[in-house]
N, C-alpha and C. Protein backbone atom coordinates (compact mmCIF):
# COMPACT_ATOMS: atom_id res chain seq x y z
N MET A 1 -20.33 1.61 4.43
CA MET A 1 -19.54 0.50 3.92
C MET A 1 -18.09 0.71 4.31
N ALA A 2 -17.46 -0.33 4.78
CA ALA A 2 -16.06 -0.27 5.17
C ALA A 2 -15.21 -0.96 4.12
N ILE A 3 -14.10 -0.35 3.80
CA ILE A 3 -13.16 -0.98 2.88
C ILE A 3 -11.99 -1.47 3.71
N THR A 4 -12.18 -2.62 4.34
CA THR A 4 -11.15 -3.22 5.16
C THR A 4 -11.12 -4.71 4.88
N LEU A 5 -10.17 -5.38 5.47
CA LEU A 5 -10.05 -6.82 5.29
C LEU A 5 -10.59 -7.58 6.50
N GLU A 6 -11.40 -6.92 7.31
CA GLU A 6 -11.96 -7.57 8.49
C GLU A 6 -13.19 -8.39 8.11
N ALA A 7 -13.25 -9.61 8.60
CA ALA A 7 -14.35 -10.51 8.26
C ALA A 7 -15.69 -9.98 8.75
N CYS A 8 -15.71 -9.27 9.88
CA CYS A 8 -16.98 -8.81 10.44
C CYS A 8 -17.75 -7.94 9.46
N HIS A 9 -17.06 -7.12 8.68
CA HIS A 9 -17.74 -6.27 7.70
C HIS A 9 -18.31 -7.10 6.54
N ALA A 10 -17.54 -8.08 6.11
CA ALA A 10 -18.02 -8.96 5.05
C ALA A 10 -19.22 -9.77 5.51
N VAL A 11 -19.22 -10.21 6.76
CA VAL A 11 -20.36 -10.95 7.30
C VAL A 11 -21.59 -10.06 7.38
N ASP A 12 -21.42 -8.82 7.81
CA ASP A 12 -22.54 -7.88 7.87
C ASP A 12 -23.18 -7.68 6.51
N VAL A 13 -22.36 -7.48 5.49
CA VAL A 13 -22.88 -7.28 4.13
C VAL A 13 -23.55 -8.55 3.62
N LEU A 14 -22.95 -9.69 3.91
CA LEU A 14 -23.53 -10.97 3.52
C LEU A 14 -24.92 -11.15 4.12
N GLN A 15 -25.05 -10.87 5.40
CA GLN A 15 -26.34 -11.02 6.07
C GLN A 15 -27.37 -10.04 5.53
N GLN A 16 -26.95 -8.83 5.21
CA GLN A 16 -27.86 -7.85 4.60
C GLN A 16 -28.34 -8.35 3.24
N ALA A 17 -27.44 -8.93 2.47
CA ALA A 17 -27.81 -9.45 1.15
C ALA A 17 -28.79 -10.61 1.28
N PHE A 18 -28.55 -11.52 2.23
CA PHE A 18 -29.48 -12.62 2.45
C PHE A 18 -30.85 -12.09 2.83
N HIS A 19 -30.88 -11.10 3.69
CA HIS A 19 -32.16 -10.53 4.16
C HIS A 19 -32.90 -9.85 3.01
N ARG A 20 -32.16 -9.11 2.19
CA ARG A 20 -32.77 -8.33 1.12
C ARG A 20 -33.15 -9.18 -0.09
N HIS A 21 -32.29 -10.15 -0.44
CA HIS A 21 -32.47 -10.88 -1.70
C HIS A 21 -32.76 -12.37 -1.53
N GLY A 22 -32.75 -12.86 -0.31
CA GLY A 22 -32.96 -14.29 -0.09
C GLY A 22 -31.64 -15.05 -0.13
N ARG A 23 -31.75 -16.34 0.06
CA ARG A 23 -30.57 -17.21 0.12
C ARG A 23 -30.25 -17.78 -1.25
N PRO A 24 -29.03 -17.61 -1.71
CA PRO A 24 -28.63 -18.26 -2.96
C PRO A 24 -28.25 -19.71 -2.71
N GLN A 25 -28.11 -20.47 -3.76
CA GLN A 25 -27.66 -21.86 -3.60
C GLN A 25 -26.19 -21.91 -3.23
N SER A 26 -25.42 -20.95 -3.75
CA SER A 26 -23.98 -20.96 -3.46
C SER A 26 -23.46 -19.53 -3.36
N VAL A 27 -22.35 -19.39 -2.68
CA VAL A 27 -21.64 -18.11 -2.55
C VAL A 27 -20.21 -18.35 -3.01
N ASN A 28 -19.77 -17.58 -3.99
CA ASN A 28 -18.43 -17.72 -4.54
C ASN A 28 -17.68 -16.41 -4.30
N THR A 29 -16.52 -16.49 -3.69
CA THR A 29 -15.71 -15.30 -3.42
C THR A 29 -14.29 -15.53 -3.90
N ASP A 30 -13.50 -14.46 -3.82
CA ASP A 30 -12.07 -14.64 -4.06
C ASP A 30 -11.44 -15.12 -2.76
N GLN A 31 -10.14 -15.22 -2.74
CA GLN A 31 -9.46 -15.80 -1.58
C GLN A 31 -8.96 -14.74 -0.60
N GLY A 32 -9.65 -13.60 -0.57
CA GLY A 32 -9.28 -12.55 0.38
C GLY A 32 -9.45 -13.04 1.81
N SER A 33 -8.65 -12.49 2.71
CA SER A 33 -8.65 -12.95 4.10
C SER A 33 -10.02 -12.78 4.76
N GLN A 34 -10.78 -11.76 4.36
CA GLN A 34 -12.10 -11.57 4.96
C GLN A 34 -13.07 -12.67 4.54
N PHE A 35 -12.84 -13.29 3.39
CA PHE A 35 -13.73 -14.34 2.89
C PHE A 35 -13.30 -15.74 3.30
N THR A 36 -12.05 -15.91 3.65
CA THR A 36 -11.58 -17.22 4.10
C THR A 36 -11.62 -17.34 5.62
N ALA A 37 -11.95 -16.25 6.30
CA ALA A 37 -12.04 -16.27 7.76
C ALA A 37 -13.16 -17.21 8.21
N HIS A 38 -12.93 -17.89 9.31
CA HIS A 38 -13.90 -18.84 9.84
C HIS A 38 -15.27 -18.19 10.02
N GLU A 39 -15.30 -16.96 10.50
CA GLU A 39 -16.55 -16.24 10.75
C GLU A 39 -17.39 -16.11 9.47
N PHE A 40 -16.75 -15.78 8.35
CA PHE A 40 -17.47 -15.62 7.09
C PHE A 40 -17.93 -16.96 6.54
N VAL A 41 -17.03 -17.94 6.53
CA VAL A 41 -17.37 -19.27 6.01
C VAL A 41 -18.53 -19.86 6.80
N GLN A 42 -18.49 -19.70 8.11
CA GLN A 42 -19.56 -20.22 8.97
C GLN A 42 -20.89 -19.54 8.67
N ALA A 43 -20.85 -18.22 8.44
CA ALA A 43 -22.09 -17.47 8.14
C ALA A 43 -22.73 -17.98 6.85
N VAL A 44 -21.91 -18.32 5.87
CA VAL A 44 -22.42 -18.86 4.61
C VAL A 44 -23.03 -20.24 4.84
N LYS A 45 -22.30 -21.09 5.51
CA LYS A 45 -22.76 -22.47 5.71
C LYS A 45 -23.98 -22.55 6.61
N GLU A 46 -24.10 -21.65 7.58
CA GLU A 46 -25.27 -21.64 8.46
C GLU A 46 -26.56 -21.36 7.70
N GLN A 47 -26.43 -20.70 6.56
CA GLN A 47 -27.60 -20.41 5.72
C GLN A 47 -27.91 -21.56 4.76
N GLY A 48 -27.10 -22.61 4.81
CA GLY A 48 -27.33 -23.76 3.94
C GLY A 48 -26.81 -23.58 2.52
N CYS A 49 -25.94 -22.60 2.33
CA CYS A 49 -25.39 -22.33 1.00
C CYS A 49 -24.08 -23.10 0.81
N LYS A 50 -23.82 -23.47 -0.42
CA LYS A 50 -22.51 -24.02 -0.76
C LYS A 50 -21.53 -22.85 -0.80
N PHE A 51 -20.29 -23.11 -0.43
CA PHE A 51 -19.27 -22.07 -0.40
C PHE A 51 -18.12 -22.47 -1.31
N SER A 52 -17.72 -21.56 -2.19
CA SER A 52 -16.58 -21.86 -3.06
C SER A 52 -15.70 -20.63 -3.19
N LEU A 53 -14.43 -20.88 -3.43
CA LEU A 53 -13.45 -19.82 -3.60
C LEU A 53 -12.92 -19.86 -5.02
N GLY A 54 -12.71 -18.69 -5.59
CA GLY A 54 -12.08 -18.62 -6.89
C GLY A 54 -10.64 -19.08 -6.79
N GLY A 55 -10.14 -19.71 -7.80
CA GLY A 55 -8.77 -20.21 -7.77
C GLY A 55 -7.76 -19.14 -8.13
N ARG A 56 -6.51 -19.51 -8.06
CA ARG A 56 -5.43 -18.60 -8.41
C ARG A 56 -5.62 -18.10 -9.84
N GLY A 57 -5.53 -16.81 -10.01
CA GLY A 57 -5.72 -16.22 -11.34
C GLY A 57 -7.17 -16.01 -11.71
N ALA A 58 -8.09 -16.28 -10.78
CA ALA A 58 -9.51 -16.14 -11.08
C ALA A 58 -9.90 -14.69 -11.37
N TRP A 59 -9.10 -13.74 -10.88
CA TRP A 59 -9.41 -12.34 -11.15
C TRP A 59 -9.49 -12.07 -12.65
N GLN A 60 -8.77 -12.87 -13.43
CA GLN A 60 -8.77 -12.67 -14.88
C GLN A 60 -10.12 -13.02 -15.49
N ASP A 61 -10.89 -13.85 -14.81
CA ASP A 61 -12.20 -14.23 -15.31
C ASP A 61 -13.18 -13.07 -15.27
N ASN A 62 -12.94 -12.11 -14.42
CA ASN A 62 -13.88 -11.03 -14.20
C ASN A 62 -13.14 -9.69 -14.19
N GLY A 63 -12.28 -9.49 -15.16
CA GLY A 63 -11.40 -8.33 -15.21
C GLY A 63 -12.09 -6.99 -15.17
N LEU A 64 -13.21 -6.84 -15.88
CA LEU A 64 -13.89 -5.54 -15.90
C LEU A 64 -14.44 -5.17 -14.53
N VAL A 65 -15.04 -6.12 -13.85
CA VAL A 65 -15.59 -5.83 -12.52
C VAL A 65 -14.46 -5.56 -11.53
N GLU A 66 -13.38 -6.34 -11.61
CA GLU A 66 -12.24 -6.11 -10.72
C GLU A 66 -11.66 -4.71 -10.94
N ARG A 67 -11.57 -4.28 -12.17
CA ARG A 67 -11.05 -2.95 -12.48
C ARG A 67 -11.98 -1.87 -11.95
N LEU A 68 -13.29 -2.08 -12.08
CA LEU A 68 -14.26 -1.13 -11.55
C LEU A 68 -14.06 -0.95 -10.05
N TRP A 69 -13.98 -2.06 -9.30
CA TRP A 69 -13.83 -1.96 -7.85
C TRP A 69 -12.50 -1.34 -7.46
N LYS A 70 -11.46 -1.58 -8.24
CA LYS A 70 -10.18 -0.93 -7.95
C LYS A 70 -10.33 0.57 -8.09
N SER A 71 -11.01 1.02 -9.12
CA SER A 71 -11.24 2.45 -9.32
C SER A 71 -12.09 3.04 -8.20
N VAL A 72 -13.14 2.32 -7.82
CA VAL A 72 -14.01 2.79 -6.75
C VAL A 72 -13.21 2.97 -5.45
N LYS A 73 -12.40 1.97 -5.12
CA LYS A 73 -11.61 2.04 -3.90
C LYS A 73 -10.55 3.14 -3.97
N ASP A 74 -9.83 3.22 -5.10
CA ASP A 74 -8.75 4.19 -5.23
C ASP A 74 -9.27 5.62 -5.22
N GLU A 75 -10.42 5.85 -5.81
CA GLU A 75 -10.95 7.20 -5.91
C GLU A 75 -11.97 7.50 -4.82
N ARG A 76 -12.15 6.56 -3.91
CA ARG A 76 -13.05 6.73 -2.76
C ARG A 76 -14.43 7.24 -3.18
N VAL A 77 -14.97 6.57 -4.17
CA VAL A 77 -16.29 6.92 -4.68
C VAL A 77 -17.36 6.60 -3.65
N LEU A 78 -17.15 5.56 -2.87
CA LEU A 78 -18.17 5.14 -1.90
C LEU A 78 -18.26 6.08 -0.74
């Protein structure tokens, strides 16, 4: 797993998830550059999924998970 802002890594993980778990009706992400990149958006839409982005301040909706990922990244648990 790569911790970068490159869309190619996000697309790879997205495709692995589709393969492993099937296609969801929608994919919702934050507004990170890797998720707003044309490559990522196209990969979602090619699967027939709806694509949505969390709005400004959406991180507050999921504070515990956001804090977990911050800890994982900072402490290089992965």
